[in-house]
Amino acid sequence: MNIAVLGTGMVGRAVAGRLAELGHTVTVGTRDPQATLARTEPDRMGNPPFATWHADHPTVKLVPFADAAAGAELVVFAGNGAAALDMLGQAGADNLAGKVLLDISNPLDFSAGYPPTLFVDNTDSLGEQIQRAFPDVMVVKGLNTLSAPVMVNPSALGGSTTVFVCGNDSAAKATVVGLIESFGHDDVLDLGGIDTARGPEMYLPLWLRAMNALGTPMFNLKLVR
């Protein structure tokens, strides 16, 4: 499958690398490819610059958002949640129309420092905002309750855990579930329409505090039923 991953940070790299490993044709989208490749400093999380990762993944192309979306059968949004509507706008509504969009982002607001709050919650969600802004796109929320390494390699935890999908289109969700299962996840719970994205997004404050208490992001929850 031709898949575009929008975002060059830790999540985007993890997902793009895993998809390429699984045999997909992967293109990463960014605002300015030359500027992205020119960066030499680690990011704010201490990760090496994108160019270092890209050198180890030569089959993954790096192009502007619009070019990545235009050539894709499925799009993964793996960027900063606060920039989601802007980044997807640059990708272009026409380039996204009729396609499945897997939204991994979260509405984290770091304006008051750490830990972040949510800039939308309770009566709305970022997933819903994206769906309203791009009505011709089949938005599926998923994988946003995991750290990047666990997203793409759940076996690292040594046992089955639960992940969630939310979206209005059942066929789009089935496509995303298939992709998630190809990563190794074996318990994917469909919560319902895109309005149910409020739940997984509002889990993030608990996830952050659990990470602080555990001293590691290498964990997930399991719904026992």
Protein backbone atom coordinates (compact mmCIF):
# COMPACT_ATOMS: atom_id res chain seq x y z
CA MET A 1 0.00 0.00 0.00
CA ASN A 2 1.15 3.55 -0.70
CA ILE A 3 1.08 5.29 2.69
CA ALA A 4 1.87 8.90 3.57
CA VAL A 5 3.03 9.71 7.09
CA LEU A 6 2.66 13.38 7.95
CA GLY A 7 5.14 14.34 10.65
CA THR A 8 8.89 13.86 11.09
CA GLY A 9 9.06 13.53 14.88
CA MET A 10 9.45 10.44 17.01
CA VAL A 11 5.97 9.07 16.24
CA GLY A 12 6.21 9.73 12.52
CA ARG A 13 9.60 8.07 12.29
CA ALA A 14 8.51 5.02 14.28
CA VAL A 15 5.39 4.48 12.18
CA ALA A 16 7.09 5.18 8.84
CA GLY A 17 9.95 2.85 9.65
CA ARG A 18 7.66 0.02 10.71
CA LEU A 19 5.43 0.42 7.66
CA ALA A 20 8.45 0.31 5.36
CA GLU A 21 9.69 -2.78 7.18
CA LEU A 22 6.32 -4.42 6.49
CA GLY A 23 6.72 -3.80 2.76
CA HIS A 24 4.58 -0.70 2.24
CA THR A 25 5.67 2.17 0.02
CA VAL A 26 6.10 4.98 2.51
CA THR A 27 6.41 8.72 1.97
CA VAL A 28 6.94 11.15 4.82
CA GLY A 29 5.44 14.60 4.50
CA THR A 30 6.96 17.77 5.95
CA ARG A 31 6.58 21.52 5.44
CA ASP A 32 10.01 22.02 3.88
CA PRO A 33 12.06 18.91 3.04
CA GLN A 34 15.31 20.83 2.60
CA ALA A 35 14.92 22.55 5.96
CA THR A 36 14.03 19.26 7.65
CA LEU A 37 17.13 17.53 6.27
CA ALA A 38 19.34 20.54 7.11
CA ARG A 39 18.66 20.32 10.86
CA THR A 40 21.68 19.05 12.79
CA GLU A 41 20.55 19.45 16.40
CA PRO A 42 18.57 16.87 18.41
CA ASP A 43 14.89 17.66 18.90
CA ARG A 44 13.45 18.77 22.25
CA MET A 45 13.14 15.13 23.29
CA GLY A 46 16.80 14.49 22.58
CA ASN A 47 16.19 12.44 19.45
CA PRO A 48 18.77 12.77 16.66
CA PRO A 49 17.89 14.99 13.68
CA PHE A 50 15.62 13.57 11.00
CA ALA A 51 18.49 13.32 8.51
CA THR A 52 20.18 10.72 10.72
CA TRP A 53 17.03 8.58 10.76
CA HIS A 54 16.46 9.10 7.06
CA ALA A 55 19.94 7.85 6.21
CA ASP A 56 19.00 4.54 7.83
CA HIS A 57 15.70 4.36 5.91
CA PRO A 58 16.67 5.13 2.31
CA THR A 59 13.45 3.69 0.81
CA VAL A 60 11.30 6.28 2.62
CA LYS A 61 10.81 9.44 0.58
CA LEU A 62 10.62 12.92 2.11
CA VAL A 63 8.40 15.41 0.27
CA PRO A 64 6.08 18.35 1.05
CA PHE A 65 2.77 17.55 2.74
CA ALA A 66 0.72 18.03 -0.43
CA ASP A 67 2.88 15.69 -2.51
CA ALA A 68 2.81 13.03 0.19
CA ALA A 69 -0.98 13.13 0.48
CA ALA A 70 -1.58 13.24 -3.27
CA GLY A 71 0.29 10.00 -3.90
CA ALA A 72 -1.09 8.04 -0.96
CA GLU A 73 -3.84 5.48 -0.63
CA LEU A 74 -3.87 5.97 3.16
CA VAL A 75 -2.60 8.89 5.22
CA VAL A 76 -1.27 8.74 8.78
CA PHE A 77 -1.29 12.00 10.73
CA ALA A 78 1.57 11.71 13.21
CA GLY A 79 2.28 15.37 13.86
CA ASN A 80 1.74 17.78 16.72
CA GLY A 81 -1.96 17.85 17.59
CA ALA A 82 -1.93 21.63 17.96
CA ALA A 83 -0.78 21.92 14.34
CA ALA A 84 -3.08 19.23 12.94
CA LEU A 85 -5.53 21.42 11.05
CA ASP A 86 -2.76 23.58 9.62
CA MET A 87 -0.64 20.60 8.51
CA LEU A 88 -3.62 18.83 6.97
CA GLY A 89 -4.63 22.07 5.29
CA GLN A 90 -1.20 22.21 3.69
CA ALA A 91 -1.64 18.61 2.58
CA GLY A 92 -4.76 19.82 0.77
CA ALA A 93 -8.39 18.82 1.08
CA ASP A 94 -8.46 17.62 -2.53
CA ASN A 95 -5.41 15.42 -1.95
CA LEU A 96 -7.02 13.90 1.15
CA ALA A 97 -10.56 13.51 -0.17
CA GLY A 98 -11.89 9.95 -0.25
CA LYS A 99 -8.94 8.58 1.69
CA VAL A 100 -8.58 6.95 5.09
CA LEU A 101 -6.77 9.17 7.57
CA LEU A 102 -5.37 7.49 10.66
CA ASP A 103 -5.08 10.22 13.28
CA ILE A 104 -2.54 9.36 15.99
CA SER A 105 -2.30 12.88 17.43
CA ASN A 106 -3.45 14.24 20.78
CA PRO A 107 -4.72 17.72 21.77
CA LEU A 108 -1.86 18.47 24.16
CA ASP A 109 -1.39 22.06 25.32
CA PHE A 110 2.08 22.83 26.70
CA SER A 111 1.51 26.58 27.02
CA ALA A 112 1.49 26.39 30.84
CA GLY A 113 4.40 23.96 31.01
CA TYR A 114 4.52 20.33 31.99
CA PRO A 115 2.40 18.29 32.40
CA PRO A 116 0.33 19.57 29.50
CA THR A 117 -3.42 20.10 29.56
CA LEU A 118 -5.85 19.35 26.72
CA PHE A 119 -6.94 22.17 24.43
CA VAL A 120 -10.18 20.32 23.66
CA ASP A 121 -12.03 17.80 25.82
CA ASN A 122 -15.38 16.56 27.15
CA THR A 123 -17.74 17.94 24.50
CA ASP A 124 -15.42 17.71 21.50
CA SER A 125 -12.17 16.09 20.40
CA LEU A 126 -9.33 16.72 18.00
CA GLY A 127 -10.49 13.73 15.97
CA GLU A 128 -13.91 15.35 15.55
CA GLN A 129 -12.36 18.70 14.64
CA ILE A 130 -10.33 17.04 11.90
CA GLN A 131 -13.40 15.21 10.59
CA ARG A 132 -15.45 18.44 10.51
CA ALA A 133 -12.66 20.33 8.75
CA PHE A 134 -12.23 17.58 6.15
CA PRO A 135 -15.68 16.03 5.65
CA ASP A 136 -14.59 14.07 2.57
CA VAL A 137 -11.90 12.22 4.55
CA MET A 138 -12.57 9.03 6.50
CA VAL A 139 -10.93 9.87 9.83
CA VAL A 140 -10.04 7.04 12.19
CA LYS A 141 -8.57 7.79 15.61
CA GLY A 142 -6.13 5.15 16.78
CA LEU A 143 -2.80 4.36 18.49
CA ASN A 144 -2.84 7.70 20.34
CA THR A 145 -2.78 6.02 23.78
CA LEU A 146 0.67 4.47 23.30
CA SER A 147 4.28 5.59 23.18
CA ALA A 148 5.83 5.35 19.73
CA PRO A 149 7.91 2.20 20.43
CA VAL A 150 4.85 0.35 21.77
CA MET A 151 2.68 1.51 18.85
CA VAL A 152 4.86 -0.32 16.36
CA ASN A 153 6.23 -3.14 18.53
CA PRO A 154 3.68 -4.21 21.15
CA SER A 155 5.54 -7.47 21.75
CA ALA A 156 8.10 -5.40 23.67
CA LEU A 157 5.66 -5.42 26.60
CA GLY A 158 5.58 -9.20 26.72
CA GLY A 159 1.80 -9.59 26.67
CA SER A 160 -1.46 -8.62 25.01
CA THR A 161 -2.75 -5.08 25.62
CA THR A 162 -5.69 -3.05 24.33
CA VAL A 163 -5.78 -0.33 21.69
CA PHE A 164 -8.76 1.63 20.44
CA VAL A 165 -10.18 2.85 17.14
CA CYS A 166 -12.89 5.47 16.61
CA GLY A 167 -14.46 6.58 13.35
CA ASN A 168 -17.66 6.98 11.38
CA ASP A 169 -16.79 4.70 8.47
CA SER A 170 -16.72 0.96 9.19
CA ALA A 171 -14.65 0.09 6.12
CA ALA A 172 -12.06 2.72 7.02
CA LYS A 173 -11.86 1.32 10.55
CA ALA A 174 -11.42 -2.19 9.17
CA THR A 175 -8.49 -0.96 7.06
CA VAL A 176 -6.88 0.69 10.08
CA VAL A 177 -7.48 -2.34 12.30
CA GLY A 178 -5.72 -4.49 9.71
CA LEU A 179 -2.76 -2.12 9.75
CA ILE A 180 -2.65 -2.04 13.55
CA GLU A 181 -2.82 -5.82 13.73
CA SER A 182 0.07 -6.06 11.26
CA PHE A 183 2.14 -4.20 13.86
CA GLY A 184 1.43 -7.08 16.27
CA HIS A 185 -1.56 -5.80 18.25
CA ASP A 186 -4.13 -8.49 18.98
CA ASP A 187 -6.80 -6.64 20.99
CA VAL A 188 -8.27 -3.71 19.05
CA LEU A 189 -11.52 -2.34 20.47
CA ASP A 190 -13.84 -0.34 18.21
CA LEU A 191 -15.39 2.36 20.42
CA GLY A 192 -17.82 3.64 17.78
CA GLY A 193 -18.09 6.90 15.85
CA ILE A 194 -15.51 9.66 15.73
CA ASP A 195 -17.22 11.35 18.71
CA THR A 196 -15.88 8.51 20.88
CA ALA A 197 -12.36 9.84 20.24
CA ARG A 198 -13.00 12.03 23.28
CA GLY A 199 -12.32 9.02 25.50
CA PRO A 200 -8.87 7.98 24.20
CA GLU A 201 -7.80 11.61 23.98
CA MET A 202 -8.87 12.36 27.56
CA TYR A 203 -6.90 9.31 28.73
CA LEU A 204 -3.68 11.20 28.00
CA PRO A 205 -3.48 13.05 31.36
CA LEU A 206 -3.61 9.67 33.12
CA TRP A 207 -1.08 8.21 30.68
CA LEU A 208 1.36 11.05 31.38
CA ARG A 209 1.09 10.65 35.14
CA ALA A 210 1.45 6.89 34.88
CA MET A 211 4.60 7.41 32.82
CA ASN A 212 6.00 9.71 35.49
CA ALA A 213 5.18 7.21 38.23
CA LEU A 214 6.65 4.27 36.33
CA GLY A 215 9.64 6.17 35.00
CA THR A 216 9.09 4.73 31.51
CA PRO A 217 6.72 5.09 28.56
CA MET A 218 6.90 1.35 27.89
CA PHE A 219 3.48 0.34 29.16
CA ASN A 220 -0.14 0.06 28.08
CA LEU A 221 -3.48 -0.87 29.57
CA LYS A 222 -5.48 -4.08 29.10
CA LEU A 223 -9.27 -4.20 29.25
CA VAL A 224 -10.04 -7.51 30.96
CA ARG A 225 -13.47 -8.79 30.04
